[in-house]
């Protein structure tokens, strides 16, 4: 029977607004095997809930585009030899997972990669592994702030904004409408908080 080996790697990625907003992660620690297989095998990787999988076609001794169907989607099928599949999986950039915009562990929830390996004798092995996509940490660029319910939350904007109407870096946040000011920073119409 074919064998799928998943090492103890934890598949966890934190979205970062400036550098990794879609939650890209290269997946490592996957290999396949079958003692008596000399022909091509069929390997299907799919994601549950969200996420896309892309196999590299530039790994030496690895997969070619003609051996991959659905590359860059949520369900990828490979028909190739164990050696070529393992060469691609062993590369640090061989298999990329992308959660996508708006997808993380909070909303819409967890994501799992399902792996189905079938050999030429119709022997089949299944495996799965969770991917934890952490939401982007809110900051001034994301216009979000997080705090406990019914408590005050302090947000330091001074690192992001150097001058607002020359008011020495004092900001008032809340719900309501903003003050309308002239070019000198004088309030013309007061907002409400």
N, C-alpha and C. Protein backbone atom coordinates (compact mmCIF):
# COMPACT_ATOMS: atom_id res chain seq x y z
N UNK A 1 0.83 -1.20 0.00
CA UNK A 1 0.00 0.00 0.00
C UNK A 1 0.86 1.25 0.00
N UNK A 2 0.34 2.32 -0.59
CA UNK A 2 1.08 3.58 -0.55
C UNK A 2 1.08 4.17 0.86
N UNK A 3 2.11 4.97 1.13
CA UNK A 3 2.29 5.56 2.46
C UNK A 3 2.45 7.07 2.32
N UNK A 4 1.77 7.81 3.19
CA UNK A 4 1.93 9.26 3.29
C UNK A 4 2.58 9.55 4.64
N UNK A 5 3.68 10.28 4.62
CA UNK A 5 4.36 10.63 5.87
C UNK A 5 4.26 12.13 6.10
N UNK A 6 3.73 12.49 7.25
CA UNK A 6 3.64 13.90 7.66
C UNK A 6 4.49 14.06 8.91
N UNK A 7 5.51 14.93 8.85
CA UNK A 7 6.32 15.12 10.04
C UNK A 7 5.59 15.99 11.05
N UNK A 8 6.27 16.37 12.10
CA UNK A 8 5.62 17.12 13.18
C UNK A 8 5.52 18.62 12.91
N UNK A 9 5.85 19.05 11.71
CA UNK A 9 5.74 20.48 11.38
C UNK A 9 4.34 21.00 11.69
N UNK A 10 4.29 22.20 12.26
CA UNK A 10 3.02 22.85 12.51
C UNK A 10 2.78 23.83 11.38
N UNK A 11 1.67 23.69 10.70
CA UNK A 11 1.34 24.60 9.62
C UNK A 11 0.57 25.77 10.19
N UNK A 12 1.31 26.84 10.47
CA UNK A 12 0.71 28.04 11.05
C UNK A 12 1.31 29.25 10.37
N UNK A 13 0.45 30.15 9.95
CA UNK A 13 0.91 31.38 9.31
C UNK A 13 0.10 32.54 9.86
N UNK A 14 0.80 33.63 10.14
CA UNK A 14 0.13 34.85 10.59
C UNK A 14 0.10 35.84 9.43
N UNK A 15 -1.08 36.33 9.14
CA UNK A 15 -1.19 37.35 8.12
C UNK A 15 -0.55 38.63 8.63
N UNK A 16 0.23 39.27 7.77
CA UNK A 16 0.86 40.54 8.10
C UNK A 16 0.45 41.52 7.01
N UNK A 17 -0.18 42.59 7.39
CA UNK A 17 -0.78 43.52 6.43
C UNK A 17 0.22 43.99 5.38
N UNK A 18 1.42 44.37 5.79
CA UNK A 18 2.38 44.94 4.84
C UNK A 18 3.12 43.89 4.03
N UNK A 19 3.34 42.69 4.58
CA UNK A 19 4.22 41.73 3.90
C UNK A 19 3.57 40.40 3.54
N UNK A 20 2.51 39.99 4.20
CA UNK A 20 1.88 38.70 3.91
C UNK A 20 0.37 38.78 4.14
N UNK A 21 -0.33 39.66 3.41
CA UNK A 21 -1.75 39.89 3.68
C UNK A 21 -2.65 38.70 3.34
N UNK A 22 -2.20 37.82 2.44
CA UNK A 22 -3.04 36.68 2.03
C UNK A 22 -2.69 35.38 2.76
N UNK A 23 -1.74 35.42 3.69
CA UNK A 23 -1.40 34.23 4.46
C UNK A 23 -0.72 33.15 3.63
N UNK A 24 0.39 33.48 2.98
CA UNK A 24 1.15 32.51 2.20
C UNK A 24 2.07 31.71 3.11
N UNK A 25 2.16 30.41 2.84
CA UNK A 25 2.98 29.51 3.66
C UNK A 25 3.48 28.38 2.78
N UNK A 26 4.78 28.11 2.82
CA UNK A 26 5.33 26.94 2.11
C UNK A 26 5.22 25.74 3.04
N UNK A 27 4.62 24.67 2.53
CA UNK A 27 4.37 23.48 3.34
C UNK A 27 5.52 22.50 3.18
N UNK A 28 6.06 22.09 4.30
CA UNK A 28 7.17 21.15 4.30
C UNK A 28 6.79 19.94 5.14
N UNK A 29 7.62 18.92 5.09
CA UNK A 29 7.41 17.74 5.95
C UNK A 29 6.42 16.74 5.42
N UNK A 30 6.14 16.75 4.11
CA UNK A 30 5.25 15.77 3.50
C UNK A 30 6.10 14.91 2.57
N UNK A 31 5.93 13.60 2.64
CA UNK A 31 6.56 12.71 1.67
C UNK A 31 5.64 11.51 1.46
N UNK A 32 5.85 10.82 0.35
CA UNK A 32 5.03 9.66 0.02
C UNK A 32 5.94 8.49 -0.31
N UNK A 33 5.38 7.30 -0.28
CA UNK A 33 6.16 6.12 -0.62
C UNK A 33 5.27 4.93 -0.93
N UNK A 34 5.86 3.93 -1.57
CA UNK A 34 5.19 2.67 -1.87
C UNK A 34 6.30 1.71 -2.28
N UNK A 35 6.54 0.69 -1.46
CA UNK A 35 7.68 -0.21 -1.65
C UNK A 35 7.70 -0.87 -3.03
N UNK A 36 6.55 -1.28 -3.54
CA UNK A 36 6.54 -2.04 -4.79
C UNK A 36 6.00 -1.28 -5.99
N UNK A 37 5.91 0.03 -5.88
CA UNK A 37 5.36 0.82 -6.99
C UNK A 37 6.45 1.27 -7.94
N UNK A 38 6.29 0.96 -9.23
CA UNK A 38 7.24 1.40 -10.26
C UNK A 38 6.57 2.31 -11.28
N UNK A 39 5.25 2.39 -11.27
CA UNK A 39 4.50 3.22 -12.20
C UNK A 39 4.14 4.56 -11.56
N UNK A 40 3.40 5.36 -12.30
CA UNK A 40 2.90 6.62 -11.77
C UNK A 40 1.88 6.38 -10.67
N UNK A 41 1.80 7.30 -9.74
CA UNK A 41 0.77 7.28 -8.70
C UNK A 41 -0.08 8.52 -8.89
N UNK A 42 -1.24 8.52 -8.25
CA UNK A 42 -2.12 9.68 -8.27
C UNK A 42 -2.16 10.29 -6.87
N UNK A 43 -1.83 11.55 -6.78
CA UNK A 43 -1.82 12.27 -5.52
C UNK A 43 -2.79 13.44 -5.63
N UNK A 44 -3.77 13.50 -4.73
CA UNK A 44 -4.73 14.59 -4.73
C UNK A 44 -4.60 15.32 -3.39
N UNK A 45 -4.36 16.60 -3.46
CA UNK A 45 -4.35 17.45 -2.27
C UNK A 45 -5.48 18.45 -2.41
N UNK A 46 -6.26 18.59 -1.35
CA UNK A 46 -7.37 19.54 -1.38
C UNK A 46 -7.46 20.25 -0.05
N UNK A 47 -8.04 21.43 -0.08
CA UNK A 47 -8.23 22.21 1.14
C UNK A 47 -9.71 22.21 1.50
N UNK A 48 -9.97 22.26 2.80
CA UNK A 48 -11.35 22.40 3.24
C UNK A 48 -11.55 23.85 3.67
N UNK A 49 -12.70 24.38 3.41
CA UNK A 49 -13.11 25.72 3.83
C UNK A 49 -12.52 26.83 2.97
N UNK A 50 -11.19 26.89 2.81
CA UNK A 50 -10.55 27.93 1.99
C UNK A 50 -9.09 27.56 1.76
N UNK A 51 -8.46 28.30 0.89
CA UNK A 51 -7.03 28.13 0.62
C UNK A 51 -6.77 27.50 -0.73
N UNK A 52 -5.63 27.86 -1.32
CA UNK A 52 -5.21 27.27 -2.59
C UNK A 52 -3.84 26.63 -2.41
N UNK A 53 -3.55 25.66 -3.26
CA UNK A 53 -2.28 24.94 -3.23
C UNK A 53 -1.61 25.07 -4.59
N UNK A 54 -0.31 25.39 -4.57
CA UNK A 54 0.43 25.53 -5.82
C UNK A 54 1.74 24.76 -5.71
N UNK A 55 1.92 23.79 -6.62
CA UNK A 55 3.17 23.03 -6.70
C UNK A 55 4.12 23.74 -7.64
N UNK A 56 5.38 23.83 -7.26
CA UNK A 56 6.41 24.42 -8.11
C UNK A 56 6.72 23.46 -9.26
N UNK A 57 6.96 24.03 -10.41
CA UNK A 57 7.39 23.23 -11.57
C UNK A 57 8.84 23.55 -11.92
N UNK A 58 9.56 24.19 -11.00
CA UNK A 58 10.95 24.56 -11.27
C UNK A 58 11.95 23.82 -10.37
N UNK A 59 11.52 22.77 -9.69
CA UNK A 59 12.41 21.99 -8.84
C UNK A 59 13.16 20.97 -9.71
N UNK A 60 14.47 20.93 -9.59
CA UNK A 60 15.26 19.97 -10.35
C UNK A 60 14.85 18.55 -10.00
N UNK A 61 14.49 17.77 -11.03
CA UNK A 61 14.05 16.39 -10.81
C UNK A 61 12.63 16.29 -10.29
N UNK A 62 11.93 17.41 -10.27
CA UNK A 62 10.58 17.44 -9.72
C UNK A 62 9.50 17.42 -10.78
N UNK A 63 8.33 17.88 -10.40
CA UNK A 63 7.14 17.83 -11.25
C UNK A 63 7.20 18.82 -12.40
N UNK A 64 6.51 18.47 -13.48
CA UNK A 64 6.34 19.36 -14.62
C UNK A 64 4.87 19.78 -14.67
N UNK A 65 4.58 20.84 -15.39
CA UNK A 65 3.20 21.34 -15.46
C UNK A 65 2.25 20.32 -16.06
N UNK A 66 2.73 19.46 -16.97
CA UNK A 66 1.87 18.45 -17.57
C UNK A 66 1.44 17.35 -16.61
N UNK A 67 2.10 17.27 -15.46
CA UNK A 67 1.77 16.25 -14.46
C UNK A 67 0.83 16.78 -13.37
N UNK A 68 0.49 18.06 -13.45
CA UNK A 68 -0.31 18.72 -12.41
C UNK A 68 -1.60 19.25 -13.00
N UNK A 69 -2.71 18.94 -12.37
CA UNK A 69 -4.01 19.47 -12.79
C UNK A 69 -4.60 20.28 -11.64
N UNK A 70 -5.10 21.47 -11.94
CA UNK A 70 -5.72 22.31 -10.91
C UNK A 70 -4.71 23.07 -10.07
N UNK A 71 -3.48 23.22 -10.54
CA UNK A 71 -2.46 23.92 -9.77
C UNK A 71 -2.93 25.35 -9.46
N UNK A 72 -2.77 25.77 -8.21
CA UNK A 72 -3.20 27.10 -7.80
C UNK A 72 -4.66 27.18 -7.40
N UNK A 73 -5.31 26.02 -7.20
CA UNK A 73 -6.70 25.99 -6.78
C UNK A 73 -6.80 25.27 -5.43
N UNK A 74 -8.01 25.03 -4.99
CA UNK A 74 -8.23 24.32 -3.74
C UNK A 74 -8.19 22.81 -3.87
N UNK A 75 -8.00 22.29 -5.09
CA UNK A 75 -7.89 20.85 -5.30
C UNK A 75 -6.92 20.59 -6.45
N UNK A 76 -5.79 19.98 -6.12
CA UNK A 76 -4.73 19.74 -7.09
C UNK A 76 -4.52 18.24 -7.23
N UNK A 77 -4.46 17.75 -8.47
CA UNK A 77 -4.21 16.34 -8.75
C UNK A 77 -2.89 16.20 -9.49
N UNK A 78 -2.07 15.28 -9.01
CA UNK A 78 -0.77 15.02 -9.62
C UNK A 78 -0.73 13.57 -10.07
N UNK A 79 -0.26 13.34 -11.28
CA UNK A 79 -0.02 11.98 -11.78
C UNK A 79 1.43 11.93 -12.20
N UNK A 80 2.26 11.26 -11.39
CA UNK A 80 3.69 11.22 -11.64
C UNK A 80 4.32 10.10 -10.82
N UNK A 81 5.65 10.04 -10.88
CA UNK A 81 6.36 9.03 -10.09
C UNK A 81 6.54 9.53 -8.65
N UNK A 82 6.74 8.58 -7.76
CA UNK A 82 6.98 8.92 -6.35
C UNK A 82 8.23 9.79 -6.23
N UNK A 83 9.28 9.46 -7.00
CA UNK A 83 10.54 10.21 -6.91
C UNK A 83 10.35 11.68 -7.29
N UNK A 84 9.61 11.94 -8.36
CA UNK A 84 9.41 13.33 -8.80
C UNK A 84 8.52 14.10 -7.82
N UNK A 85 7.49 13.43 -7.32
CA UNK A 85 6.62 14.09 -6.33
C UNK A 85 7.42 14.42 -5.07
N UNK A 86 8.21 13.46 -4.58
CA UNK A 86 8.99 13.70 -3.37
C UNK A 86 10.06 14.76 -3.57
N UNK A 87 10.63 14.84 -4.77
CA UNK A 87 11.63 15.89 -5.04
C UNK A 87 10.98 17.27 -4.88
N UNK A 88 9.78 17.42 -5.41
CA UNK A 88 9.08 18.71 -5.29
C UNK A 88 8.67 18.97 -3.84
N UNK A 89 8.14 17.97 -3.16
CA UNK A 89 7.72 18.15 -1.77
C UNK A 89 8.90 18.45 -0.85
N UNK A 90 10.09 17.94 -1.19
CA UNK A 90 11.27 18.16 -0.35
C UNK A 90 11.86 19.56 -0.50
N UNK A 91 11.51 20.24 -1.57
CA UNK A 91 12.01 21.60 -1.80
C UNK A 91 11.34 22.57 -0.83
N UNK A 92 12.13 23.53 -0.35
CA UNK A 92 11.56 24.52 0.59
C UNK A 92 10.51 25.40 -0.07
N UNK A 93 10.47 25.43 -1.40
CA UNK A 93 9.45 26.21 -2.10
C UNK A 93 8.64 25.31 -3.05
N UNK A 94 8.55 24.04 -2.71
CA UNK A 94 7.88 23.08 -3.58
C UNK A 94 6.37 23.14 -3.56
N UNK A 95 5.79 23.42 -2.40
CA UNK A 95 4.34 23.45 -2.26
C UNK A 95 3.93 24.67 -1.45
N UNK A 96 3.16 25.55 -2.08
CA UNK A 96 2.74 26.79 -1.42
C UNK A 96 1.24 26.75 -1.13
N UNK A 97 0.89 27.15 0.08
CA UNK A 97 -0.50 27.31 0.50
C UNK A 97 -0.77 28.80 0.62
N UNK A 98 -1.92 29.25 0.12
CA UNK A 98 -2.33 30.65 0.27
C UNK A 98 -3.76 30.67 0.81
N UNK A 99 -3.93 31.25 2.00
CA UNK A 99 -5.26 31.31 2.62
C UNK A 99 -6.21 32.18 1.82
N UNK A 100 -5.72 33.33 1.35
CA UNK A 100 -6.55 34.25 0.58
C UNK A 100 -7.11 35.36 1.44
N UNK A 101 -7.49 36.42 0.81
CA UNK A 101 -8.01 37.60 1.47
C UNK A 101 -9.28 37.28 2.27
N UNK A 102 -9.32 37.74 3.50
CA UNK A 102 -10.51 37.58 4.33
C UNK A 102 -10.66 36.21 4.99
N UNK A 103 -9.69 35.31 4.80
CA UNK A 103 -9.79 33.97 5.38
C UNK A 103 -8.79 33.78 6.50
N UNK A 104 -9.28 33.37 7.67
CA UNK A 104 -8.39 33.04 8.78
C UNK A 104 -9.15 32.19 9.79
N UNK A 105 -8.48 31.81 10.86
CA UNK A 105 -9.04 30.90 11.87
C UNK A 105 -10.28 31.50 12.54
N UNK A 106 -10.37 32.83 12.57
CA UNK A 106 -11.53 33.48 13.19
C UNK A 106 -12.73 33.43 12.26
N UNK A 107 -12.51 33.80 11.01
CA UNK A 107 -13.61 33.84 10.05
C UNK A 107 -13.06 33.55 8.66
N UNK A 108 -13.41 32.49 8.04
CA UNK A 108 -14.55 31.61 8.30
C UNK A 108 -14.25 30.42 9.21
N UNK A 109 -13.00 30.28 9.71
CA UNK A 109 -12.70 29.18 10.63
C UNK A 109 -11.46 28.42 10.22
N UNK A 110 -11.40 27.16 10.62
CA UNK A 110 -10.24 26.32 10.39
C UNK A 110 -10.14 25.87 8.93
N UNK A 111 -8.93 25.55 8.53
CA UNK A 111 -8.68 25.00 7.20
C UNK A 111 -7.85 23.73 7.36
N UNK A 112 -8.11 22.75 6.53
CA UNK A 112 -7.38 21.48 6.57
C UNK A 112 -6.94 21.10 5.18
N UNK A 113 -5.76 20.51 5.10
CA UNK A 113 -5.29 19.97 3.83
C UNK A 113 -5.51 18.46 3.87
N UNK A 114 -6.26 17.96 2.90
CA UNK A 114 -6.51 16.52 2.78
C UNK A 114 -5.62 15.97 1.68
N UNK A 115 -5.03 14.80 1.95
CA UNK A 115 -4.11 14.17 1.01
C UNK A 115 -4.61 12.76 0.71
N UNK A 116 -4.73 12.45 -0.58
CA UNK A 116 -5.21 11.15 -1.02
C UNK A 116 -4.20 10.60 -2.02
N UNK A 117 -3.58 9.46 -1.69
CA UNK A 117 -2.56 8.85 -2.54
C UNK A 117 -3.07 7.49 -3.01
N UNK A 118 -3.08 7.29 -4.33
CA UNK A 118 -3.55 6.04 -4.91
C UNK A 118 -2.45 5.48 -5.81
N UNK A 119 -2.10 4.17 -5.62
CA UNK A 119 -1.08 3.56 -6.48
C UNK A 119 -1.72 2.87 -7.67
N UNK A 120 -0.89 2.28 -8.54
CA UNK A 120 -1.39 1.68 -9.78
C UNK A 120 -2.22 0.43 -9.54
N UNK A 121 -2.16 -0.15 -8.33
CA UNK A 121 -2.98 -1.32 -7.98
C UNK A 121 -4.24 -0.93 -7.24
N UNK A 122 -4.57 0.35 -7.27
CA UNK A 122 -5.74 0.92 -6.60
C UNK A 122 -5.65 0.89 -5.08
N UNK A 123 -4.45 0.71 -4.54
CA UNK A 123 -4.26 0.86 -3.10
C UNK A 123 -4.34 2.33 -2.77
N UNK A 124 -4.97 2.64 -1.66
CA UNK A 124 -5.23 4.04 -1.34
C UNK A 124 -4.91 4.35 0.11
N UNK A 125 -4.33 5.53 0.36
CA UNK A 125 -4.04 6.00 1.71
C UNK A 125 -4.49 7.45 1.80
N UNK A 126 -5.07 7.79 2.93
CA UNK A 126 -5.57 9.15 3.17
C UNK A 126 -4.85 9.74 4.39
N UNK A 127 -4.63 11.04 4.37
CA UNK A 127 -4.07 11.75 5.51
C UNK A 127 -4.59 13.18 5.47
N UNK A 128 -4.50 13.87 6.59
CA UNK A 128 -4.89 15.28 6.62
C UNK A 128 -4.09 16.00 7.68
N UNK A 129 -3.98 17.29 7.50
CA UNK A 129 -3.25 18.12 8.46
C UNK A 129 -3.88 19.51 8.49
N UNK A 130 -4.04 20.04 9.68
CA UNK A 130 -4.66 21.36 9.86
C UNK A 130 -3.67 22.48 9.51
N UNK A 131 -4.22 23.57 8.99
CA UNK A 131 -3.46 24.79 8.74
C UNK A 131 -4.12 25.88 9.57
N UNK A 132 -3.35 26.51 10.44
CA UNK A 132 -3.87 27.59 11.26
C UNK A 132 -3.44 28.92 10.64
N UNK A 133 -4.41 29.70 10.23
CA UNK A 133 -4.14 31.00 9.63
C UNK A 133 -4.57 32.06 10.64
N UNK A 134 -3.58 32.72 11.23
CA UNK A 134 -3.87 33.74 12.24
C UNK A 134 -4.20 35.05 11.54
N UNK A 135 -5.20 35.77 12.04
CA UNK A 135 -5.55 37.05 11.41
C UNK A 135 -4.44 38.06 11.59
N UNK A 136 -4.42 39.04 10.73
CA UNK A 136 -3.43 40.11 10.84
C UNK A 136 -3.63 40.84 12.16
N UNK A 137 -2.52 41.15 12.81
CA UNK A 137 -2.59 41.90 14.06
C UNK A 137 -3.04 43.31 13.72
N UNK A 138 -4.11 43.77 14.32
CA UNK A 138 -4.59 45.12 14.01
C UNK A 138 -3.56 46.18 14.35
N UNK A 139 -3.46 47.18 13.51
CA UNK A 139 -2.58 48.32 13.76
C UNK A 139 -3.22 49.55 13.12
N UNK A 140 -2.54 50.65 13.15
CA UNK A 140 -3.13 51.88 12.62
C UNK A 140 -3.42 51.77 11.13
N UNK A 141 -2.59 50.97 10.41
CA UNK A 141 -2.84 50.81 8.98
C UNK A 141 -4.12 50.03 8.71
N UNK A 142 -4.48 49.12 9.60
CA UNK A 142 -5.67 48.30 9.36
C UNK A 142 -6.94 48.95 9.88
N UNK A 143 -6.82 50.05 10.58
CA UNK A 143 -7.94 50.80 11.13
C UNK A 143 -8.80 49.93 12.05
N UNK A 144 -8.12 49.05 12.77
CA UNK A 144 -8.79 48.19 13.73
C UNK A 144 -8.11 48.32 15.08
N UNK A 145 -8.84 48.07 16.13
CA UNK A 145 -8.27 47.98 17.47
C UNK A 145 -9.01 46.86 18.18
N UNK A 146 -8.28 46.13 19.00
CA UNK A 146 -8.87 44.99 19.69
C UNK A 146 -8.76 45.22 21.19
N UNK A 147 -9.81 44.91 21.92
CA UNK A 147 -9.79 45.04 23.37
C UNK A 147 -10.90 44.21 23.98
N UNK A 148 -10.84 44.08 25.27
CA UNK A 148 -11.87 43.34 26.00
C UNK A 148 -13.16 44.14 26.03
N UNK A 149 -14.26 43.44 26.00
CA UNK A 149 -15.56 44.08 26.04
C UNK A 149 -15.72 44.86 27.34
N UNK A 150 -16.35 46.02 27.28
CA UNK A 150 -16.64 46.88 28.41
C UNK A 150 -15.40 47.39 29.14
N UNK A 151 -14.28 47.50 28.44
CA UNK A 151 -13.08 48.09 29.02
C UNK A 151 -12.50 49.09 28.03
N UNK A 152 -11.60 49.93 28.51
CA UNK A 152 -10.93 50.90 27.65
C UNK A 152 -9.78 50.23 26.92
N UNK A 153 -9.52 50.68 25.70
CA UNK A 153 -8.39 50.19 24.93
C UNK A 153 -7.54 51.38 24.52
N UNK A 154 -6.25 51.28 24.78
CA UNK A 154 -5.32 52.35 24.43
C UNK A 154 -4.67 51.98 23.10
N UNK A 155 -4.73 52.91 22.15
CA UNK A 155 -4.12 52.71 20.84
C UNK A 155 -3.10 53.82 20.63
N UNK A 156 -1.83 53.46 20.43
CA UNK A 156 -0.78 54.45 20.22
C UNK A 156 -0.59 54.66 18.72
N UNK A 157 -1.05 55.81 18.24
CA UNK A 157 -0.92 56.14 16.82
C UNK A 157 0.31 56.97 16.51
N UNK A 158 1.06 57.35 17.54
CA UNK A 158 2.18 58.27 17.31
C UNK A 158 3.23 57.69 16.38
N UNK A 159 3.40 56.38 16.35
CA UNK A 159 4.37 55.78 15.45
C UNK A 159 3.91 55.83 14.00
N UNK A 160 2.61 55.96 13.79
CA UNK A 160 2.05 55.96 12.44
C UNK A 160 1.75 57.35 11.91
N UNK A 161 1.42 58.27 12.81
CA UNK A 161 1.04 59.61 12.39
C UNK A 161 1.90 60.61 13.15
N UNK A 162 2.59 61.48 12.43
CA UNK A 162 3.48 62.42 13.11
C UNK A 162 2.83 63.77 13.40
N UNK A 163 1.79 64.12 12.66
CA UNK A 163 1.20 65.43 12.89
C UNK A 163 -0.23 65.45 12.39
N UNK A 164 -1.16 65.67 13.28
CA UNK A 164 -2.55 65.89 12.89
C UNK A 164 -2.93 67.26 13.41
N UNK A 165 -3.06 68.19 12.51
CA UNK A 165 -3.45 69.56 12.87
C UNK A 165 -2.58 70.16 13.96
N UNK A 166 -1.33 69.73 14.01
CA UNK A 166 -0.36 70.28 14.95
C UNK A 166 -0.86 70.25 16.40
N UNK A 167 -1.46 69.14 16.80
CA UNK A 167 -2.02 69.07 18.15
C UNK A 167 -1.17 68.22 19.10
N UNK A 168 0.12 68.16 18.87
CA UNK A 168 1.07 67.45 19.73
C UNK A 168 0.77 65.97 19.86
N UNK A 169 0.19 65.38 18.85
CA UNK A 169 -0.02 63.94 18.84
C UNK A 169 -1.16 63.44 19.69
N UNK A 170 -2.10 64.30 20.06
CA UNK A 170 -3.25 63.87 20.87
C UNK A 170 -4.39 63.51 19.94
N UNK A 171 -4.90 62.30 20.10
CA UNK A 171 -5.97 61.81 19.23
C UNK A 171 -7.12 61.35 20.09
N UNK A 172 -8.32 61.58 19.64
CA UNK A 172 -9.50 61.09 20.33
C UNK A 172 -10.22 60.14 19.39
N UNK A 173 -10.43 58.93 19.86
CA UNK A 173 -11.09 57.92 19.04
C UNK A 173 -12.42 57.55 19.67
N UNK A 174 -13.34 57.17 18.86
CA UNK A 174 -14.62 56.72 19.36
C UNK A 174 -15.60 56.59 18.22
N UNK A 175 -16.83 56.39 18.57
CA UNK A 175 -17.85 56.34 17.54
C UNK A 175 -18.47 57.72 17.42
N UNK A 176 -18.99 58.02 16.29
CA UNK A 176 -19.59 59.34 16.09
C UNK A 176 -19.02 59.98 14.85
N UNK A 177 -19.03 61.30 14.81
CA UNK A 177 -18.53 62.01 13.64
C UNK A 177 -17.27 62.78 14.01
N UNK A 178 -16.43 63.01 13.01
CA UNK A 178 -15.17 63.72 13.23
C UNK A 178 -15.38 65.23 13.26
N UNK A 179 -14.42 65.93 13.89
CA UNK A 179 -14.42 67.39 13.84
C UNK A 179 -14.09 67.84 12.42
N UNK A 180 -14.67 68.96 12.00
CA UNK A 180 -14.32 69.58 10.72
C UNK A 180 -13.42 70.76 11.08
N UNK A 181 -12.20 70.76 10.48
CA UNK A 181 -11.24 71.82 10.80
C UNK A 181 -10.83 72.58 9.56
N UNK A 182 -10.29 73.79 9.78
CA UNK A 182 -9.73 74.53 8.65
C UNK A 182 -8.26 74.13 8.49
N UNK A 183 -7.56 74.76 7.57
CA UNK A 183 -6.18 74.39 7.28
C UNK A 183 -5.23 74.67 8.44
N UNK A 184 -5.66 75.50 9.40
CA UNK A 184 -4.85 75.79 10.59
C UNK A 184 -5.15 74.84 11.75
N UNK A 185 -6.09 73.94 11.56
CA UNK A 185 -6.45 73.01 12.61
C UNK A 185 -7.50 73.53 13.56
N UNK A 186 -8.08 74.68 13.26
CA UNK A 186 -9.14 75.24 14.10
C UNK A 186 -10.45 74.52 13.79
N UNK A 187 -11.12 74.10 14.86
CA UNK A 187 -12.38 73.37 14.68
C UNK A 187 -13.47 74.34 14.20
N UNK A 188 -14.04 74.03 13.07
CA UNK A 188 -15.14 74.83 12.51
C UNK A 188 -16.47 74.24 12.97
N UNK A 189 -16.59 72.93 12.86
CA UNK A 189 -17.78 72.22 13.31
C UNK A 189 -17.34 71.06 14.19
N UNK A 190 -17.77 71.08 15.44
CA UNK A 190 -17.36 70.01 16.36
C UNK A 190 -18.10 68.72 16.03
N UNK A 191 -17.35 67.63 16.07
CA UNK A 191 -17.97 66.33 15.89
C UNK A 191 -18.54 65.81 17.18
N UNK A 192 -19.07 64.62 17.13
CA UNK A 192 -19.62 64.02 18.35
C UNK A 192 -18.95 62.68 18.58
N UNK A 193 -18.77 62.36 19.86
CA UNK A 193 -18.17 61.07 20.23
C UNK A 193 -19.16 60.31 21.09
